[in-house]
C-alpha atoms as a PDB file:
ATOM      1  CA  MET A   1       0.004  -0.171  -0.016  1.00  0.00           C
ATOM      2  CA  ALA A   2       1.471   3.480  -1.078  1.00  0.00           C
ATOM      3  CA  LYS A   3       1.596   6.100   1.671  1.00  0.00           C
ATOM      4  CA  LYS A   4       0.252   9.361   0.621  1.00  0.00           C
ATOM      5  CA  LYS A   5       2.697  12.198   1.012  1.00  0.00           C
ATOM      6  CA  ARG A   6       0.966  14.844   3.524  1.00  0.00           C
ATOM      7  CA  LYS A   7       0.839  18.331   2.216  1.00  0.00           C
ATOM      8  CA  MET A   8       2.345  20.904   4.756  1.00  0.00           C
ATOM      9  CA  PRO A   9      -0.062  23.680   5.406  1.00  0.00           C
ATOM     10  CA  GLY A  10       0.893  27.152   4.084  1.00  0.00           C
ATOM     11  CA  LEU A  11       2.143  29.714   6.560  1.00  0.00           C
ATOM     12  CA  ASN A  12      -0.030  32.685   6.297  1.00  0.00           C
ATOM     13  CA  THR A  13       2.588  35.664   5.810  1.00  0.00           C
ATOM     14  CA  SER A  14       0.190  38.463   4.632  1.00  0.00           C
ATOM     15  CA  SER A  15       0.667  40.339   8.004  1.00  0.00           C
ATOM     16  CA  THR A  16       4.169  39.998   8.386  1.00  0.00           C
ATOM     17  CA  ALA A  17       5.306  43.530   6.606  1.00  0.00           C
ATOM     18  CA  ASP A  18       2.370  45.087   9.304  1.00  0.00           C
ATOM     19  CA  ILE A  19       4.129  43.285  12.146  1.00  0.00           C
ATOM     20  CA  SER A  20       7.511  44.353  11.111  1.00  0.00           C
ATOM     21  CA  PHE A  21       6.409  48.139  10.677  1.00  0.00           C
ATOM     22  CA  MET A  22       4.698  47.878  14.119  1.00  0.00           C
ATOM     23  CA  LEU A  23       8.032  46.582  15.718  1.00  0.00           C
ATOM     24  CA  LEU A  24       9.863  49.319  14.152  1.00  0.00           C
ATOM     25  CA  ILE A  25       7.642  52.058  15.127  1.00  0.00           C
ATOM     26  CA  PHE A  26       7.633  50.772  18.725  1.00  0.00           C
ATOM     27  CA  PHE A  27      11.476  50.758  18.826  1.00  0.00           C
ATOM     28  CA  LEU A  28      11.619  54.231  17.422  1.00  0.00           C
ATOM     29  CA  VAL A  29       9.428  55.376  20.057  1.00  0.00           C
ATOM     30  CA  THR A  30      10.928  53.839  23.005  1.00  0.00           C
ATOM     31  CA  THR A  31      14.392  54.199  22.162  1.00  0.00           C
ATOM     32  CA  SER A  32      16.416  57.217  23.366  1.00  0.00           C
ATOM     33  CA  MET A  33      19.024  58.967  21.502  1.00  0.00           C
ATOM     34  CA  ASP A  34      22.158  60.392  22.831  1.00  0.00           C
ATOM     35  CA  THR A  35      21.830  64.419  22.355  1.00  0.00           C
ATOM     36  CA  ASP A  36      24.497  66.869  21.803  1.00  0.00           C
ATOM     37  CA  GLN A  37      25.766  69.094  24.509  1.00  0.00           C
ATOM     38  CA  GLY A  38      25.674  72.585  23.705  1.00  0.00           C
ATOM     39  CA  LEU A  39      25.546  76.003  25.294  1.00  0.00           C
ATOM     40  CA  GLY A  40      22.743  78.608  24.569  1.00  0.00           C
ATOM     41  CA  ARG A  41      24.290  81.547  23.145  1.00  0.00           C
ATOM     42  CA  THR A  42      22.674  84.974  21.531  1.00  0.00           C
ATOM     43  CA  LEU A  43      25.173  86.047  19.050  1.00  0.00           C
ATOM     44  CA  PRO A  44      25.374  89.963  18.566  1.00  0.00           C
ATOM     45  CA  ARG A  45      24.480  91.482  15.204  1.00  0.00           C
ATOM     46  CA  PRO A  46      27.370  91.503  12.675  1.00  0.00           C
ATOM     47  CA  PRO A  47      28.915  94.823  12.534  1.00  0.00           C
ATOM     48  CA  GLU A  48      28.043  97.644  10.249  1.00  0.00           C
ATOM     49  CA  ASP A  49      30.742  98.160   7.482  1.00  0.00           C
ATOM     50  CA  GLU A  50      32.273 101.328   8.754  1.00  0.00           C
ATOM     51  CA  ASP A  51      32.431  99.594  12.281  1.00  0.00           C
ATOM     52  CA  GLN A  52      34.507  96.639  11.011  1.00  0.00           C
ATOM     53  CA  ASN A  53      37.757  98.369  10.677  1.00  0.00           C
ATOM     54  CA  ASN A  54      37.480  99.794  14.053  1.00  0.00           C
ATOM     55  CA  GLU A  55      39.511  97.679  17.004  1.00  0.00           C
ATOM     56  CA  ILE A  56      37.961  97.628  20.515  1.00  0.00           C
ATOM     57  CA  LYS A  57      40.379  98.361  22.965  1.00  0.00           C
ATOM     58  CA  VAL A  58      39.997  97.247  26.191  1.00  0.00           C
ATOM     59  CA  LYS A  59      42.058  97.881  29.282  1.00  0.00           C
ATOM     60  CA  GLU A  60      43.950  95.258  31.051  1.00  0.00           C
ATOM     61  CA  ARG A  61      42.261  95.514  34.337  1.00  0.00           C
ATOM     62  CA  ASN A  62      38.903  95.033  32.784  1.00  0.00           C
ATOM     63  CA  ILE A  63      39.602  91.341  31.035  1.00  0.00           C
ATOM     64  CA  LEU A  64      39.535  88.427  33.264  1.00  0.00           C
ATOM     65  CA  ASN A  65      41.778  85.740  31.322  1.00  0.00           C
ATOM     66  CA  ILE A  66      40.656  81.948  31.704  1.00  0.00           C
ATOM     67  CA  ARG A  67      43.146  79.691  30.209  1.00  0.00           C
ATOM     68  CA  ILE A  68      42.477  75.928  29.819  1.00  0.00           C
ATOM     69  CA  ASN A  69      45.294  73.760  28.495  1.00  0.00           C
ATOM     70  CA  LYS A  70      45.461  70.283  26.787  1.00  0.00           C
ATOM     71  CA  ASP A  71      45.652  68.741  30.030  1.00  0.00           C
ATOM     72  CA  ASN A  72      42.762  70.556  31.405  1.00  0.00           C
ATOM     73  CA  TYR A  73      44.490  72.558  33.852  1.00  0.00           C
ATOM     74  CA  LEU A  74      42.654  76.000  34.572  1.00  0.00           C
ATOM     75  CA  MET A  75      44.402  79.251  34.867  1.00  0.00           C
ATOM     76  CA  ILE A  76      42.610  82.796  35.735  1.00  0.00           C
ATOM     77  CA  GLY A  77      45.114  85.323  35.372  1.00  0.00           C
ATOM     78  CA  ASP A  78      48.643  83.841  36.730  1.00  0.00           C
ATOM     79  CA  ASP A  79      46.849  81.347  39.228  1.00  0.00           C
ATOM     80  CA  TYR A  80      46.007  77.863  38.708  1.00  0.00           C
ATOM     81  CA  VAL A  81      42.410  77.031  39.954  1.00  0.00           C
ATOM     82  CA  THR A  82      40.150  74.490  39.937  1.00  0.00           C
ATOM     83  CA  VAL A  83      36.731  74.523  38.115  1.00  0.00           C
ATOM     84  CA  ALA A  84      35.073  74.836  41.543  1.00  0.00           C
ATOM     85  CA  ASP A  85      36.691  78.265  42.079  1.00  0.00           C
ATOM     86  CA  VAL A  86      35.668  79.580  38.843  1.00  0.00           C
ATOM     87  CA  LYS A  87      32.335  80.966  39.980  1.00  0.00           C
ATOM     88  CA  GLU A  88      33.675  82.833  42.995  1.00  0.00           C
ATOM     89  CA  ARG A  89      36.685  84.312  41.283  1.00  0.00           C
ATOM     90  CA  ALA A  90      34.130  85.241  38.402  1.00  0.00           C
ATOM     91  CA  LYS A  91      31.634  86.880  40.692  1.00  0.00           C
ATOM     92  CA  VAL A  92      34.181  88.984  42.467  1.00  0.00           C
ATOM     93  CA  PHE A  93      35.486  90.147  39.148  1.00  0.00           C
ATOM     94  CA  ILE A  94      32.264  91.017  37.810  1.00  0.00           C
ATOM     95  CA  GLN A  95      30.823  92.683  40.974  1.00  0.00           C
ATOM     96  CA  ASN A  96      34.069  94.458  42.095  1.00  0.00           C
ATOM     97  CA  LYS A  97      32.136  95.764  45.478  1.00  0.00           C
ATOM     98  CA  ASP A  98      35.507  97.686  46.616  1.00  0.00           C
ATOM     99  CA  ASN A  99      36.567  99.308  43.374  1.00  0.00           C
ATOM    100  CA  LYS A 100      39.823  97.585  43.556  1.00  0.00           C
ATOM    101  CA  PRO A 101      42.313  99.120  40.917  1.00  0.00           C
ATOM    102  CA  ASN A 102      43.042  95.236  39.589  1.00  0.00           C
ATOM    103  CA  LEU A 103      39.486  94.558  38.881  1.00  0.00           C
ATOM    104  CA  PRO A 104      37.368  96.149  36.357  1.00  0.00           C
ATOM    105  CA  GLU A 105      36.660 100.023  36.511  1.00  0.00           C
ATOM    106  CA  VAL A 106      33.372 100.745  38.384  1.00  0.00           C
ATOM    107  CA  GLN A 107      30.881 103.592  36.925  1.00  0.00           C
ATOM    108  CA  MET A 108      27.797 104.858  38.637  1.00  0.00           C
ATOM    109  CA  LYS A 109      24.730 104.141  36.472  1.00  0.00           C
ATOM    110  CA  ASN A 110      21.095 105.481  36.814  1.00  0.00           C
ATOM    111  CA  ILE A 111      19.034 102.453  35.935  1.00  0.00           C
ATOM    112  CA  GLU A 112      15.363 102.790  35.410  1.00  0.00           C
ATOM    113  CA  GLY A 113      13.589 100.663  38.402  1.00  0.00           C
ATOM    114  CA  ILE A 114      17.024 100.501  40.437  1.00  0.00           C
ATOM    115  CA  GLY A 115      18.361 104.165  40.466  1.00  0.00           C
ATOM    116  CA  GLN A 116      21.836 104.870  40.849  1.00  0.00           C
ATOM    117  CA  TYR A 117      24.075 101.658  41.092  1.00  0.00           C
ATOM    118  CA  PRO A 118      27.867 100.893  40.551  1.00  0.00           C
ATOM    119  CA  VAL A 119      28.408  98.802  37.632  1.00  0.00           C
ATOM    120  CA  THR A 120      31.705  97.294  36.078  1.00  0.00           C
ATOM    121  CA  VAL A 121      30.474  98.294  32.356  1.00  0.00           C
ATOM    122  CA  ASN A 122      33.607  97.524  30.480  1.00  0.00           C
ATOM    123  CA  HIS A 123      34.226  94.073  31.867  1.00  0.00           C
ATOM    124  CA  VAL A 124      34.986  90.969  30.009  1.00  0.00           C
ATOM    125  CA  ILE A 125      35.532  87.358  30.868  1.00  0.00           C
ATOM    126  CA  SER A 126      37.827  85.647  28.197  1.00  0.00           C
ATOM    127  CA  VAL A 127      38.135  82.133  28.072  1.00  0.00           C
ATOM    128  CA  GLN A 128      40.937  80.514  25.933  1.00  0.00           C
ATOM    129  CA  THR A 129      41.229  76.923  25.496  1.00  0.00           C
ATOM    130  CA  ASP A 130      43.817  74.381  23.780  1.00  0.00           C
ATOM    131  CA  ARG A 131      42.842  72.331  20.846  1.00  0.00           C
ATOM    132  CA  GLY A 132      43.372  69.240  23.177  1.00  0.00           C
ATOM    133  CA  THR A 133      41.018  70.745  26.054  1.00  0.00           C
ATOM    134  CA  SER A 134      38.166  68.246  26.835  1.00  0.00           C
ATOM    135  CA  TYR A 135      34.637  69.212  25.953  1.00  0.00           C
ATOM    136  CA  GLY A 136      33.774  68.304  29.780  1.00  0.00           C
ATOM    137  CA  VAL A 137      36.171  70.790  31.348  1.00  0.00           C
ATOM    138  CA  TYR A 138      34.993  73.458  28.883  1.00  0.00           C
ATOM    139  CA  PHE A 139      31.328  72.978  29.529  1.00  0.00           C
ATOM    140  CA  GLN A 140      32.099  73.025  33.411  1.00  0.00           C
ATOM    141  CA  VAL A 141      33.953  76.238  32.936  1.00  0.00           C
ATOM    142  CA  GLN A 142      31.134  77.938  30.899  1.00  0.00           C
ATOM    143  CA  ASP A 143      28.419  76.576  33.303  1.00  0.00           C
ATOM    144  CA  ALA A 144      30.322  78.083  36.391  1.00  0.00           C
ATOM    145  CA  LEU A 145      30.716  81.651  34.646  1.00  0.00           C
ATOM    146  CA  VAL A 146      26.739  81.377  33.707  1.00  0.00           C
ATOM    147  CA  SER A 147      26.079  80.402  37.071  1.00  0.00           C
ATOM    148  CA  ALA A 148      28.188  83.333  38.505  1.00  0.00           C
ATOM    149  CA  TYR A 149      26.014  85.694  36.601  1.00  0.00           C
ATOM    150  CA  ASN A 150      22.819  84.168  37.569  1.00  0.00           C
ATOM    151  CA  GLU A 151      23.742  84.101  41.143  1.00  0.00           C
ATOM    152  CA  LEU A 152      24.663  88.018  41.007  1.00  0.00           C
ATOM    153  CA  ARG A 153      21.345  88.765  39.174  1.00  0.00           C
ATOM    154  CA  ASP A 154      19.451  86.704  41.985  1.00  0.00           C
ATOM    155  CA  GLU A 155      21.174  88.486  44.757  1.00  0.00           C
ATOM    156  CA  LEU A 156      20.359  91.788  43.319  1.00  0.00           C
ATOM    157  CA  ALA A 157      16.781  90.839  42.235  1.00  0.00           C
ATOM    158  CA  LYS A 158      16.114  89.738  46.259  1.00  0.00           C
ATOM    159  CA  GLU A 159      17.929  92.841  47.351  1.00  0.00           C
ATOM    160  CA  LYS A 160      15.972  95.533  45.127  1.00  0.00           C
ATOM    161  CA  PHE A 161      12.609  93.707  44.262  1.00  0.00           C
ATOM    162  CA  HIS A 162      12.440  91.021  47.194  1.00  0.00           C
ATOM    163  CA  VAL A 163      11.900  88.271  44.852  1.00  0.00           C
ATOM    164  CA  SER A 164      14.050  85.831  42.734  1.00  0.00           C
ATOM    165  CA  TYR A 165      15.147  86.815  39.491  1.00  0.00           C
ATOM    166  CA  ALA A 166      13.049  84.397  37.872  1.00  0.00           C
ATOM    167  CA  GLN A 167      10.001  86.004  39.440  1.00  0.00           C
ATOM    168  CA  CYS A 168      10.950  89.481  38.385  1.00  0.00           C
ATOM    169  CA  THR A 169       8.820  91.160  35.743  1.00  0.00           C
ATOM    170  CA  LYS A 170      10.298  91.486  32.323  1.00  0.00           C
ATOM    171  CA  LYS A 171      11.304  95.185  33.083  1.00  0.00           C
ATOM    172  CA  GLU A 172      12.867  94.395  36.415  1.00  0.00           C
ATOM    173  CA  GLN A 173      15.066  91.559  34.688  1.00  0.00           C
ATOM    174  CA  GLU A 174      16.124  93.900  31.895  1.00  0.00           C
ATOM    175  CA  ALA A 175      17.212  96.641  34.609  1.00  0.00           C
ATOM    176  CA  ILE A 176      19.020  93.870  36.632  1.00  0.00           C
ATOM    177  CA  ARG A 177      20.766  92.713  33.289  1.00  0.00           C
ATOM    178  CA  LYS A 178      22.216  96.255  32.821  1.00  0.00           C
ATOM    179  CA  VAL A 179      23.905  96.006  36.203  1.00  0.00           C
ATOM    180  CA  TYR A 180      25.225  92.566  35.264  1.00  0.00           C
ATOM    181  CA  PRO A 181      25.345  92.281  31.503  1.00  0.00           C
ATOM    182  CA  GLN A 182      26.865  88.875  30.665  1.00  0.00           C
ATOM    183  CA  LYS A 183      30.029  89.376  28.741  1.00  0.00           C
ATOM    184  CA  ILE A 184      31.979  86.242  28.192  1.00  0.00           C
ATOM    185  CA  SER A 185      34.319  86.090  25.233  1.00  0.00           C
ATOM    186  CA  GLU A 186      35.743  83.207  23.493  1.00  0.00           C
ATOM    187  CA  ALA A 187      39.197  83.074  21.826  1.00  0.00           C
ATOM    188  CA  GLU A 188      40.231  80.889  19.210  1.00  0.00           C
ATOM    189  CA  PRO A 189      41.855  77.569  20.510  1.00  0.00           C
ATOM    190  CA  LYS A 190      45.576  77.395  20.223  1.00  0.00           C
ATOM    191  CA  LYS A 191      47.923  74.726  20.254  1.00  0.00           C
ATOM    192  CA  TYR A 192      50.699  75.495  22.817  1.00  0.00           C
ATOM    193  CA  GLY A 193      54.041  74.329  22.714  1.00  0.00           C
ATOM    194  CA  GLN A 194      54.235  73.974  18.867  1.00  0.00           C
ATOM    195  CA  ALA A 195      54.921  76.458  16.187  1.00  0.00           C
ATOM    196  CA  GLN A 196      52.183  78.128  14.856  1.00  0.00           C
END
């Protein structure tokens, strides 16, 4: 007696494409992507044609030089410091409470909503890195500088308006920014120790 060969039942693959598509959507929605770190900066408007040839001269006392080498060592002026020191040193520089001659020039300004207040109008914080400086240290320094400005603004808001800077009105925040304008300059990275 001859055996009949059994037929294998066919596999229904009509919904395979739908299932694959749904799995793809699921993994796209549930997977997190690494995001790049960055700094929020508002760039100044480009200079007018007649202003491009004028050089800005800044007195040395008005500049706080921060340098970071390839080994991530920090210097403020001629002193080696840690990242933890940057914020306090920046606050002392920006504020110059006692009008010391080695810190920025202080001018009395009449600011709407605040009145007469001492301001270091011409101060600039210059950050210079080496091409080998790590991004982590660079971001920590930038964060410390922004924190210094934020703390000074918050202290002034509490002194003058009895609320935090974030709770101030737009006009009050604008007045506080006139007292503590954020002036951070980033010099082009250099490669120290080699001919350029």
